[in-house]
C-alpha cells in the first residue's frame, strides 16, 4: 500500500469519528435540554485534521503530474475512430441567425 493511500484512509476514519462525536454530542444536549450551537472545539480540530489528511492524500495518491505542452515527448496522440453515427446536422442551432453578419453557405 502506498503511504498516501493509508493517510487518506486515516483521514476518512477521522472524519467519520468526528461525525459520530457530533451526533453523540447532540444526543447529550437533547438529554440535558440545551440548544445545539455548534460542535465542541475538539471535534472542530478533528474535522480540520481529517480534512487536511484527505486533501494531502488526494493530491499525492494519483501520481505525478504530466506535461500538457504540445511539444512534450510525454504526449501521445489518441485518435478516435470516425463514426458517422454521432454526427448530427439536424439540430436547433440551424434556426439561429449568425450575429456577425456572415451568411451560411447552403
C-alpha atoms as a PDB file:
ATOM      1  CA  UNK A   1       0.000   0.000   0.000  1.00  0.00           C
ATOM      2  CA  UNK A   2       1.064   3.497  -0.709  1.00  0.00           C
ATOM      3  CA  UNK A   3       1.666   5.923   2.164  1.00  0.00           C
ATOM      4  CA  UNK A   4      -0.685   8.493   0.619  1.00  0.00           C
ATOM      5  CA  UNK A   5      -3.499   5.953   0.366  1.00  0.00           C
ATOM      6  CA  UNK A   6      -3.015   4.952   4.004  1.00  0.00           C
ATOM      7  CA  UNK A   7      -3.101   8.587   5.112  1.00  0.00           C
ATOM      8  CA  UNK A   8      -6.276   9.089   3.049  1.00  0.00           C
ATOM      9  CA  UNK A   9      -7.974   6.164   4.772  1.00  0.00           C
ATOM     10  CA  UNK A  10      -6.866   7.546   8.132  1.00  0.00           C
ATOM     11  CA  UNK A  11      -8.315  10.949   7.212  1.00  0.00           C
ATOM     12  CA  UNK A  12     -11.659   9.401   6.268  1.00  0.00           C
ATOM     13  CA  UNK A  13     -11.733   7.477   9.549  1.00  0.00           C
ATOM     14  CA  UNK A  14     -11.012  10.677  11.483  1.00  0.00           C
ATOM     15  CA  UNK A  15     -13.832  12.464   9.633  1.00  0.00           C
ATOM     16  CA  UNK A  16     -16.211   9.589  10.410  1.00  0.00           C
ATOM     17  CA  UNK A  17     -15.241   9.737  14.084  1.00  0.00           C
ATOM     18  CA  UNK A  18     -15.832  13.488  14.145  1.00  0.00           C
ATOM     19  CA  UNK A  19     -19.289  12.968  12.654  1.00  0.00           C
ATOM     20  CA  UNK A  20     -20.066  10.282  15.240  1.00  0.00           C
ATOM     21  CA  UNK A  21     -18.818  12.558  18.041  1.00  0.00           C
ATOM     22  CA  UNK A  22     -21.047  15.396  16.826  1.00  0.00           C
ATOM     23  CA  UNK A  23     -24.101  13.120  16.740  1.00  0.00           C
ATOM     24  CA  UNK A  24     -23.286  11.852  20.218  1.00  0.00           C
ATOM     25  CA  UNK A  25     -22.837  15.440  21.484  1.00  0.00           C
ATOM     26  CA  UNK A  26     -26.207  16.467  20.039  1.00  0.00           C
ATOM     27  CA  UNK A  27     -27.842  13.494  21.763  1.00  0.00           C
ATOM     28  CA  UNK A  28     -26.285  14.538  25.049  1.00  0.00           C
ATOM     29  CA  UNK A  29     -27.599  18.085  24.586  1.00  0.00           C
ATOM     30  CA  UNK A  30     -31.106  16.742  23.975  1.00  0.00           C
ATOM     31  CA  UNK A  31     -30.941  14.841  27.258  1.00  0.00           C
ATOM     32  CA  UNK A  32     -29.790  17.951  29.142  1.00  0.00           C
ATOM     33  CA  UNK A  33     -32.359  20.042  27.166  1.00  0.00           C
ATOM     34  CA  UNK A  34     -29.883  22.594  25.822  1.00  0.00           C
ATOM     35  CA  UNK A  35     -29.698  24.038  22.317  1.00  0.00           C
ATOM     36  CA  UNK A  36     -27.070  22.972  19.802  1.00  0.00           C
ATOM     37  CA  UNK A  37     -24.956  25.981  18.886  1.00  0.00           C
ATOM     38  CA  UNK A  38     -22.110  24.104  17.250  1.00  0.00           C
ATOM     39  CA  UNK A  39     -19.767  21.198  17.771  1.00  0.00           C
ATOM     40  CA  UNK A  40     -17.190  21.305  20.568  1.00  0.00           C
ATOM     41  CA  UNK A  41     -13.682  22.591  19.840  1.00  0.00           C
ATOM     42  CA  UNK A  42     -12.066  19.131  19.875  1.00  0.00           C
ATOM     43  CA  UNK A  43     -14.476  17.992  17.134  1.00  0.00           C
ATOM     44  CA  UNK A  44     -13.666  21.080  15.048  1.00  0.00           C
ATOM     45  CA  UNK A  45      -9.941  20.363  15.384  1.00  0.00           C
ATOM     46  CA  UNK A  46     -10.598  16.727  14.464  1.00  0.00           C
ATOM     47  CA  UNK A  47     -12.508  17.874  11.365  1.00  0.00           C
ATOM     48  CA  UNK A  48      -9.658  20.147  10.305  1.00  0.00           C
ATOM     49  CA  UNK A  49      -7.102  17.368  10.799  1.00  0.00           C
ATOM     50  CA  UNK A  50      -9.231  14.910   8.799  1.00  0.00           C
ATOM     51  CA  UNK A  51      -9.742  17.482   6.053  1.00  0.00           C
ATOM     52  CA  UNK A  52      -6.016  18.183   5.838  1.00  0.00           C
ATOM     53  CA  UNK A  53      -5.152  14.474   5.679  1.00  0.00           C
ATOM     54  CA  UNK A  54      -7.778  13.801   2.993  1.00  0.00           C
ATOM     55  CA  UNK A  55      -6.589  16.737   0.880  1.00  0.00           C
ATOM     56  CA  UNK A  56      -2.971  15.671   1.185  1.00  0.00           C
ATOM     57  CA  UNK A  57      -3.887  12.125   0.160  1.00  0.00           C
ATOM     58  CA  UNK A  58      -5.980  13.357  -2.766  1.00  0.00           C
ATOM     59  CA  UNK A  59      -3.023  15.311  -4.098  1.00  0.00           C
ATOM     60  CA  UNK A  60      -0.421  12.591  -3.552  1.00  0.00           C
ATOM     61  CA  UNK A  61      -2.237   9.371  -4.474  1.00  0.00           C
ATOM     62  CA  UNK A  62      -2.962   9.981  -8.187  1.00  0.00           C
ATOM     63  CA  UNK A  63       0.744  10.174  -9.022  1.00  0.00           C
ATOM     64  CA  UNK A  64       2.978  12.653 -10.725  1.00  0.00           C
ATOM     65  CA  UNK A  65       1.653  15.384 -12.959  1.00  0.00           C
ATOM     66  CA  UNK A  66       2.453  15.014 -16.649  1.00  0.00           C
ATOM     67  CA  UNK A  67       3.140  17.769 -19.130  1.00  0.00           C
ATOM     68  CA  UNK A  68       0.358  19.017 -21.383  1.00  0.00           C
ATOM     69  CA  UNK A  69       2.581  21.060 -23.659  1.00  0.00           C
ATOM     70  CA  UNK A  70       2.180  20.094 -27.316  1.00  0.00           C
ATOM     71  CA  UNK A  71       5.932  19.777 -27.892  1.00  0.00           C
ATOM     72  CA  UNK A  72       6.456  17.427 -24.947  1.00  0.00           C
ATOM     73  CA  UNK A  73       7.771  13.922 -25.566  1.00  0.00           C
ATOM     74  CA  UNK A  74       5.385  12.505 -22.967  1.00  0.00           C
ATOM     75  CA  UNK A  75       2.312  13.383 -25.023  1.00  0.00           C
ATOM     76  CA  UNK A  76       0.825  10.787 -27.266  1.00  0.00           C
ATOM     77  CA  UNK A  77      -1.741  11.264 -29.965  1.00  0.00           C
ATOM     78  CA  UNK A  78      -5.003   9.499 -29.355  1.00  0.00           C
ATOM     79  CA  UNK A  79      -7.208   9.268 -32.396  1.00  0.00           C
ATOM     80  CA  UNK A  80     -10.818   8.313 -32.220  1.00  0.00           C
ATOM     81  CA  UNK A  81     -12.452   6.318 -34.998  1.00  0.00           C
ATOM     82  CA  UNK A  82     -14.501   8.262 -37.490  1.00  0.00           C
ATOM     83  CA  UNK A  83     -18.005   7.226 -36.611  1.00  0.00           C
ATOM     84  CA  UNK A  84     -20.714   8.991 -38.575  1.00  0.00           C
ATOM     85  CA  UNK A  85     -23.417   7.842 -36.167  1.00  0.00           C
ATOM     86  CA  UNK A  86     -22.576  10.678 -33.801  1.00  0.00           C
ATOM     87  CA  UNK A  87     -22.566  13.475 -36.385  1.00  0.00           C
ATOM     88  CA  UNK A  88     -25.807  15.424 -36.038  1.00  0.00           C
ATOM     89  CA  UNK A  89     -26.684  18.038 -38.634  1.00  0.00           C
ATOM     90  CA  UNK A  90     -30.387  18.484 -37.913  1.00  0.00           C
ATOM     91  CA  UNK A  91     -30.439  20.417 -34.637  1.00  0.00           C
ATOM     92  CA  UNK A  92     -31.988  23.626 -33.311  1.00  0.00           C
ATOM     93  CA  UNK A  93     -28.829  25.654 -33.902  1.00  0.00           C
ATOM     94  CA  UNK A  94     -29.680  25.983 -37.594  1.00  0.00           C
ATOM     95  CA  UNK A  95     -32.600  28.363 -36.867  1.00  0.00           C
ATOM     96  CA  UNK A  96     -30.347  30.882 -35.129  1.00  0.00           C
ATOM     97  CA  UNK A  97     -29.100  33.697 -37.306  1.00  0.00           C
ATOM     98  CA  UNK A  98     -25.367  34.441 -37.090  1.00  0.00           C
ATOM     99  CA  UNK A  99     -24.777  37.727 -35.267  1.00  0.00           C
ATOM    100  CA  UNK A 100     -21.644  38.768 -37.151  1.00  0.00           C
ATOM    101  CA  UNK A 101     -23.379  39.380 -40.481  1.00  0.00           C
ATOM    102  CA  UNK A 102     -21.918  36.332 -42.190  1.00  0.00           C
ATOM    103  CA  UNK A 103     -24.268  34.050 -44.080  1.00  0.00           C
ATOM    104  CA  UNK A 104     -24.102  30.281 -44.169  1.00  0.00           C
ATOM    105  CA  UNK A 105     -23.318  28.613 -47.480  1.00  0.00           C
ATOM    106  CA  UNK A 106     -26.036  26.109 -48.224  1.00  0.00           C
END
